[in-house]
Amino acid sequence: MLLLFVDVSIAADQTRKKEASVAKEKAAVLEEMASANSGDTSPLPEPDETITRLQARAVDPTGDEPLDDAITCLARSIYWEANRTDNAEMEAIANVVINRLGHAGFPNTICGVVKQGQEQGACQFSWWCDGRPDAAQEEAVYTRAKEIARKALNQQLKDSTDGAMYFHNKKVTPDWSKEYIRTVEVGEHIFYKPTDDKAK
């Protein structure tokens, strides 16, 4: 009986790893497409290119794997930057990352966008350089963040920010906010886009 349980457990783990691998490969293709089409209204990816819910859930199941693929980097940004009780705010954070992807002044990969700057000191996303552990701690919330990341990569997420590439919490007013056009307020954050597409 124990041997059967071990066999089932090993098979389930192998299936999860295969799904995660497929999802990561699809995410790399999708971020490349999005980067190449930055600023354009690109068509939806083909069904065989889209990441399924099961595949997205299989990626980084415990929330503590290295930040080296698009789904993990995007999901962790959503998880740490947004108010984790508000899906609209989580989606808006995803929009900012996707809007930056491939745009002049930003890297061509999701992880490049998320990690832009230094891991300690000046960075683009505060969770990345705050000196605290980056592992996701709430499984249900992180699963929602991965689902939003999946939709964003599949180009199935409406841009609720009107092209925003910047945001800040309402509790602060950074100097840079005067340089950009305020687009929308979602949850605890205010979103901005550059003037004349001049992003940095």
C-alpha atoms as a PDB file:
ATOM      1  CA  MET A   1       0.000   0.000   0.000  1.00  0.00           C
ATOM      2  CA  LEU A   2       2.797   2.398   0.926  1.00  0.00           C
ATOM      3  CA  LEU A   3       4.614   1.588  -2.319  1.00  0.00           C
ATOM      4  CA  LEU A   4       1.509   2.470  -4.337  1.00  0.00           C
ATOM      5  CA  PHE A   5       1.196   5.799  -2.513  1.00  0.00           C
ATOM      6  CA  VAL A   6       4.871   6.599  -3.208  1.00  0.00           C
ATOM      7  CA  ASP A   7       4.421   5.711  -6.903  1.00  0.00           C
ATOM      8  CA  VAL A   8       1.348   7.970  -7.179  1.00  0.00           C
ATOM      9  CA  SER A   9       3.183  10.775  -5.395  1.00  0.00           C
ATOM     10  CA  ILE A  10       6.207  10.485  -7.690  1.00  0.00           C
ATOM     11  CA  ALA A  11       3.963  10.426 -10.776  1.00  0.00           C
ATOM     12  CA  ALA A  12       2.094  13.528  -9.568  1.00  0.00           C
ATOM     13  CA  ASP A  13       5.370  15.350  -8.931  1.00  0.00           C
ATOM     14  CA  GLN A  14       6.675  14.455 -12.394  1.00  0.00           C
ATOM     15  CA  THR A  15       3.410  15.686 -13.975  1.00  0.00           C
ATOM     16  CA  ARG A  16       3.651  18.962 -12.046  1.00  0.00           C
ATOM     17  CA  LYS A  17       7.272  19.459 -13.139  1.00  0.00           C
ATOM     18  CA  LYS A  18       6.348  18.764 -16.764  1.00  0.00           C
ATOM     19  CA  GLU A  19       3.429  21.251 -16.612  1.00  0.00           C
ATOM     20  CA  ALA A  20       5.701  23.865 -15.029  1.00  0.00           C
ATOM     21  CA  SER A  21       8.346  23.341 -17.707  1.00  0.00           C
ATOM     22  CA  VAL A  22       5.795  23.705 -20.507  1.00  0.00           C
ATOM     23  CA  ALA A  23       4.364  26.841 -18.859  1.00  0.00           C
ATOM     24  CA  LYS A  24       7.802  28.424 -18.571  1.00  0.00           C
ATOM     25  CA  GLU A  25       8.547  27.699 -22.239  1.00  0.00           C
ATOM     26  CA  LYS A  26       5.213  29.207 -23.315  1.00  0.00           C
ATOM     27  CA  ALA A  27       5.761  32.235 -21.073  1.00  0.00           C
ATOM     28  CA  ALA A  28       9.140  32.869 -22.708  1.00  0.00           C
ATOM     29  CA  VAL A  29       7.501  32.804 -26.162  1.00  0.00           C
ATOM     30  CA  LEU A  30       4.674  35.084 -25.023  1.00  0.00           C
ATOM     31  CA  GLU A  31       6.958  37.658 -23.398  1.00  0.00           C
ATOM     32  CA  GLU A  32       9.071  37.683 -26.572  1.00  0.00           C
ATOM     33  CA  MET A  33       5.933  38.345 -28.634  1.00  0.00           C
ATOM     34  CA  ALA A  34       4.822  41.103 -26.255  1.00  0.00           C
ATOM     35  CA  SER A  35       8.274  42.687 -26.266  1.00  0.00           C
ATOM     36  CA  ALA A  36       8.419  42.667 -30.061  1.00  0.00           C
ATOM     37  CA  ASN A  37       4.942  44.211 -30.283  1.00  0.00           C
ATOM     38  CA  SER A  38       5.350  46.795 -27.503  1.00  0.00           C
ATOM     39  CA  GLY A  39       3.116  49.751 -28.147  1.00  0.00           C
ATOM     40  CA  ASP A  40       1.093  47.824 -30.735  1.00  0.00           C
ATOM     41  CA  THR A  41      -2.223  46.103 -30.311  1.00  0.00           C
ATOM     42  CA  SER A  42      -0.982  42.601 -30.914  1.00  0.00           C
ATOM     43  CA  PRO A  43      -3.294  39.698 -31.681  1.00  0.00           C
ATOM     44  CA  LEU A  44      -3.985  37.080 -29.042  1.00  0.00           C
ATOM     45  CA  PRO A  45      -1.573  34.156 -29.040  1.00  0.00           C
ATOM     46  CA  GLU A  46      -2.611  30.901 -30.665  1.00  0.00           C
ATOM     47  CA  PRO A  47      -4.361  28.428 -28.319  1.00  0.00           C
ATOM     48  CA  ASP A  48      -1.351  26.092 -28.337  1.00  0.00           C
ATOM     49  CA  GLU A  49       0.852  28.996 -27.172  1.00  0.00           C
ATOM     50  CA  THR A  50      -1.344  30.055 -24.258  1.00  0.00           C
ATOM     51  CA  ILE A  51      -0.546  29.002 -20.713  1.00  0.00           C
ATOM     52  CA  THR A  52      -3.297  26.946 -19.072  1.00  0.00           C
ATOM     53  CA  ARG A  53      -4.426  27.358 -15.462  1.00  0.00           C
ATOM     54  CA  LEU A  54      -2.981  23.980 -14.552  1.00  0.00           C
ATOM     55  CA  GLN A  55       0.367  24.883 -16.089  1.00  0.00           C
ATOM     56  CA  ALA A  56       0.509  28.229 -14.264  1.00  0.00           C
ATOM     57  CA  ARG A  57      -0.351  26.605 -10.930  1.00  0.00           C
ATOM     58  CA  ALA A  58       2.469  24.097 -11.418  1.00  0.00           C
ATOM     59  CA  VAL A  59       5.068  26.889 -11.613  1.00  0.00           C
ATOM     60  CA  ASP A  60       6.745  27.791  -8.304  1.00  0.00           C
ATOM     61  CA  PRO A  61       4.230  25.822  -6.191  1.00  0.00           C
ATOM     62  CA  THR A  62       5.703  26.819  -2.822  1.00  0.00           C
ATOM     63  CA  GLY A  63       6.452  30.449  -3.709  1.00  0.00           C
ATOM     64  CA  ASP A  64      10.155  30.240  -2.975  1.00  0.00           C
ATOM     65  CA  GLU A  65      11.823  29.146  -6.216  1.00  0.00           C
ATOM     66  CA  PRO A  66      14.471  31.347  -7.877  1.00  0.00           C
ATOM     67  CA  LEU A  67      13.219  34.335  -9.852  1.00  0.00           C
ATOM     68  CA  ASP A  68      14.259  33.125 -13.270  1.00  0.00           C
ATOM     69  CA  ASP A  69      11.111  32.808 -15.374  1.00  0.00           C
ATOM     70  CA  ALA A  70       8.374  35.174 -16.525  1.00  0.00           C
ATOM     71  CA  ILE A  71       5.502  33.659 -14.539  1.00  0.00           C
ATOM     72  CA  THR A  72       7.402  33.646 -11.231  1.00  0.00           C
ATOM     73  CA  CYS A  73       8.787  37.181 -11.649  1.00  0.00           C
ATOM     74  CA  LEU A  74       5.412  38.618 -12.666  1.00  0.00           C
ATOM     75  CA  ALA A  75       3.434  36.714 -10.023  1.00  0.00           C
ATOM     76  CA  ARG A  76       5.805  37.792  -7.231  1.00  0.00           C
ATOM     77  CA  SER A  77       5.551  41.435  -8.323  1.00  0.00           C
ATOM     78  CA  ILE A  78       1.774  41.190  -8.289  1.00  0.00           C
ATOM     79  CA  TYR A  79       1.867  39.436  -4.917  1.00  0.00           C
ATOM     80  CA  TRP A  80       4.203  41.883  -3.188  1.00  0.00           C
ATOM     81  CA  GLU A  81       3.273  45.209  -4.790  1.00  0.00           C
ATOM     82  CA  ALA A  82      -0.525  45.029  -4.675  1.00  0.00           C
ATOM     83  CA  ASN A  83      -2.994  44.964  -1.847  1.00  0.00           C
ATOM     84  CA  ARG A  84      -3.452  41.206  -1.820  1.00  0.00           C
ATOM     85  CA  THR A  85      -7.186  41.392  -1.132  1.00  0.00           C
ATOM     86  CA  ASP A  86      -8.003  43.345  -4.293  1.00  0.00           C
ATOM     87  CA  ASN A  87      -7.891  41.565  -7.673  1.00  0.00           C
ATOM     88  CA  ALA A  88      -8.291  44.849  -9.581  1.00  0.00           C
ATOM     89  CA  GLU A  89      -5.173  46.239  -7.934  1.00  0.00           C
ATOM     90  CA  MET A  90      -3.252  43.029  -8.604  1.00  0.00           C
ATOM     91  CA  GLU A  91      -4.263  43.212 -12.274  1.00  0.00           C
ATOM     92  CA  ALA A  92      -3.177  46.852 -12.482  1.00  0.00           C
ATOM     93  CA  ILE A  93       0.309  45.960 -11.190  1.00  0.00           C
ATOM     94  CA  ALA A  94       0.506  43.233 -13.859  1.00  0.00           C
ATOM     95  CA  ASN A  95      -0.495  45.817 -16.485  1.00  0.00           C
ATOM     96  CA  VAL A  96       2.429  48.064 -15.498  1.00  0.00           C
ATOM     97  CA  VAL A  97       4.970  45.250 -15.858  1.00  0.00           C
ATOM     98  CA  ILE A  98       3.549  44.216 -19.240  1.00  0.00           C
ATOM     99  CA  ASN A  99       3.377  47.845 -20.421  1.00  0.00           C
ATOM    100  CA  ARG A 100       7.071  48.265 -19.631  1.00  0.00           C
ATOM    101  CA  LEU A 101       8.087  45.095 -21.447  1.00  0.00           C
ATOM    102  CA  GLY A 102      10.225  45.959 -24.451  1.00  0.00           C
ATOM    103  CA  HIS A 103       9.444  49.664 -24.236  1.00  0.00           C
ATOM    104  CA  ALA A 104      12.413  51.977 -24.757  1.00  0.00           C
ATOM    105  CA  GLY A 105      14.034  52.513 -21.380  1.00  0.00           C
ATOM    106  CA  PHE A 106      13.029  49.100 -20.017  1.00  0.00           C
ATOM    107  CA  PRO A 107      14.332  45.543 -20.498  1.00  0.00           C
ATOM    108  CA  ASN A 108      12.889  43.022 -22.958  1.00  0.00           C
ATOM    109  CA  THR A 109      11.994  40.328 -20.420  1.00  0.00           C
ATOM    110  CA  ILE A 110       9.575  40.215 -17.491  1.00  0.00           C
ATOM    111  CA  CYS A 111      12.340  39.325 -15.034  1.00  0.00           C
ATOM    112  CA  GLY A 112      14.509  42.077 -16.495  1.00  0.00           C
ATOM    113  CA  VAL A 113      11.716  44.606 -15.925  1.00  0.00           C
ATOM    114  CA  VAL A 114      11.075  43.368 -12.389  1.00  0.00           C
ATOM    115  CA  LYS A 115      14.753  43.267 -11.389  1.00  0.00           C
ATOM    116  CA  GLN A 116      15.758  46.525 -13.083  1.00  0.00           C
ATOM    117  CA  GLY A 117      18.055  48.423 -10.768  1.00  0.00           C
ATOM    118  CA  GLN A 118      19.868  46.912  -7.807  1.00  0.00           C
ATOM    119  CA  GLU A 119      18.666  44.185  -5.462  1.00  0.00           C
ATOM    120  CA  GLN A 120      19.605  46.469  -2.593  1.00  0.00           C
ATOM    121  CA  GLY A 121      19.273  50.220  -3.033  1.00  0.00           C
ATOM    122  CA  ALA A 122      17.695  51.863  -6.067  1.00  0.00           C
ATOM    123  CA  CYS A 123      15.231  49.681  -7.958  1.00  0.00           C
ATOM    124  CA  GLN A 124      11.956  49.880  -9.860  1.00  0.00           C
ATOM    125  CA  PHE A 125       9.834  47.618  -7.645  1.00  0.00           C
ATOM    126  CA  SER A 126      10.214  48.113  -3.904  1.00  0.00           C
ATOM    127  CA  TRP A 127       9.777  44.449  -2.960  1.00  0.00           C
ATOM    128  CA  TRP A 128      12.862  43.562  -4.999  1.00  0.00           C
ATOM    129  CA  CYS A 129      15.257  45.848  -3.123  1.00  0.00           C
ATOM    130  CA  ASP A 130      13.745  46.156   0.360  1.00  0.00           C
ATOM    131  CA  GLY A 131      16.184  43.638   1.849  1.00  0.00           C
ATOM    132  CA  ARG A 132      13.391  41.292   2.945  1.00  0.00           C
ATOM    133  CA  PRO A 133      12.817  37.694   1.795  1.00  0.00           C
ATOM    134  CA  ASP A 134      10.989  37.498  -1.558  1.00  0.00           C
ATOM    135  CA  ALA A 135       9.202  34.164  -1.057  1.00  0.00           C
ATOM    136  CA  ALA A 136       5.399  34.295  -1.283  1.00  0.00           C
ATOM    137  CA  GLN A 137       3.860  33.363   2.051  1.00  0.00           C
ATOM    138  CA  GLU A 138       0.111  33.021   1.427  1.00  0.00           C
ATOM    139  CA  GLU A 139      -0.639  30.099  -0.864  1.00  0.00           C
ATOM    140  CA  ALA A 140      -4.171  31.142  -1.882  1.00  0.00           C
ATOM    141  CA  VAL A 141      -3.139  34.713  -2.657  1.00  0.00           C
ATOM    142  CA  TYR A 142      -0.063  33.578  -4.575  1.00  0.00           C
ATOM    143  CA  THR A 143      -2.217  31.200  -6.621  1.00  0.00           C
ATOM    144  CA  ARG A 144      -4.408  34.204  -7.563  1.00  0.00           C
ATOM    145  CA  ALA A 145      -1.288  36.196  -8.453  1.00  0.00           C
ATOM    146  CA  LYS A 146      -0.110  33.387 -10.750  1.00  0.00           C
ATOM    147  CA  GLU A 147      -3.533  33.262 -12.404  1.00  0.00           C
ATOM    148  CA  ILE A 148      -3.397  37.016 -13.072  1.00  0.00           C
ATOM    149  CA  ALA A 149       0.168  36.625 -14.377  1.00  0.00           C
ATOM    150  CA  ARG A 150      -1.035  33.839 -16.668  1.00  0.00           C
ATOM    151  CA  LYS A 151      -3.808  36.013 -18.098  1.00  0.00           C
ATOM    152  CA  ALA A 152      -1.409  38.926 -18.562  1.00  0.00           C
ATOM    153  CA  LEU A 153       1.104  36.782 -20.445  1.00  0.00           C
ATOM    154  CA  ASN A 154      -1.703  35.274 -22.544  1.00  0.00           C
ATOM    155  CA  GLN A 155      -2.820  38.844 -23.412  1.00  0.00           C
ATOM    156  CA  GLN A 156      -6.187  38.036 -21.837  1.00  0.00           C
ATOM    157  CA  LEU A 157      -5.991  40.820 -19.257  1.00  0.00           C
ATOM    158  CA  LYS A 158      -7.529  44.186 -20.101  1.00  0.00           C
ATOM    159  CA  ASP A 159      -5.232  47.140 -19.391  1.00  0.00           C
ATOM    160  CA  SER A 160      -7.150  48.934 -16.663  1.00  0.00           C
ATOM    161  CA  THR A 161      -4.334  51.498 -16.275  1.00  0.00           C
ATOM    162  CA  ASP A 162      -4.551  53.143 -19.721  1.00  0.00           C
ATOM    163  CA  GLY A 163      -0.941  52.373 -20.564  1.00  0.00           C
ATOM    164  CA  ALA A 164       0.594  53.153 -17.156  1.00  0.00           C
ATOM    165  CA  MET A 165       4.250  52.325 -16.598  1.00  0.00           C
ATOM    166  CA  TYR A 166       4.577  53.757 -13.093  1.00  0.00           C
ATOM    167  CA  PHE A 167       2.667  53.660  -9.834  1.00  0.00           C
ATOM    168  CA  HIS A 168       3.013  54.549  -6.191  1.00  0.00           C
ATOM    169  CA  ASN A 169       1.084  54.026  -3.000  1.00  0.00           C
ATOM    170  CA  LYS A 170      -1.384  56.792  -2.156  1.00  0.00           C
ATOM    171  CA  LYS A 171       0.413  57.361   1.151  1.00  0.00           C
ATOM    172  CA  VAL A 172       3.423  58.892  -0.619  1.00  0.00           C
ATOM    173  CA  THR A 173       3.952  61.531  -3.319  1.00  0.00           C
ATOM    174  CA  PRO A 174       7.276  60.931  -5.059  1.00  0.00           C
ATOM    175  CA  ASP A 175       8.894  63.791  -6.989  1.00  0.00           C
ATOM    176  CA  TRP A 176       8.824  61.803 -10.222  1.00  0.00           C
ATOM    177  CA  SER A 177       5.009  61.734 -10.226  1.00  0.00           C
ATOM    178  CA  LYS A 178       4.991  65.333 -11.526  1.00  0.00           C
ATOM    179  CA  GLU A 179       6.805  64.229 -14.690  1.00  0.00           C
ATOM    180  CA  TYR A 180       4.084  61.861 -15.879  1.00  0.00           C
ATOM    181  CA  ILE A 181       0.392  61.769 -16.736  1.00  0.00           C
ATOM    182  CA  ARG A 182      -1.846  60.383 -14.004  1.00  0.00           C
ATOM    183  CA  THR A 183      -4.127  57.753 -15.531  1.00  0.00           C
ATOM    184  CA  VAL A 184      -6.099  56.001 -12.813  1.00  0.00           C
ATOM    185  CA  GLU A 185      -6.352  55.192  -9.125  1.00  0.00           C
ATOM    186  CA  VAL A 186      -6.855  51.531  -8.246  1.00  0.00           C
ATOM    187  CA  GLY A 187      -7.049  50.408  -4.651  1.00  0.00           C
ATOM    188  CA  GLU A 188      -4.138  51.852  -2.695  1.00  0.00           C
ATOM    189  CA  HIS A 189      -2.157  52.904  -5.773  1.00  0.00           C
ATOM    190  CA  ILE A 190      -2.061  55.765  -8.287  1.00  0.00           C
ATOM    191  CA  PHE A 191      -0.893  54.975 -11.826  1.00  0.00           C
ATOM    192  CA  TYR A 192       0.923  57.104 -14.418  1.00  0.00           C
ATOM    193  CA  LYS A 193       2.066  56.950 -18.014  1.00  0.00           C
ATOM    194  CA  PRO A 194       4.908  58.859 -19.656  1.00  0.00           C
ATOM    195  CA  THR A 195       4.375  61.962 -21.722  1.00  0.00           C
ATOM    196  CA  ASP A 196       5.160  61.487 -25.439  1.00  0.00           C
ATOM    197  CA  ASP A 197       6.105  57.823 -24.790  1.00  0.00           C
ATOM    198  CA  LYS A 198       9.306  58.955 -23.098  1.00  0.00           C
ATOM    199  CA  ALA A 199       9.799  56.309 -20.452  1.00  0.00           C
ATOM    200  CA  LYS A 200      12.814  55.771 -18.229  1.00  0.00           C
END
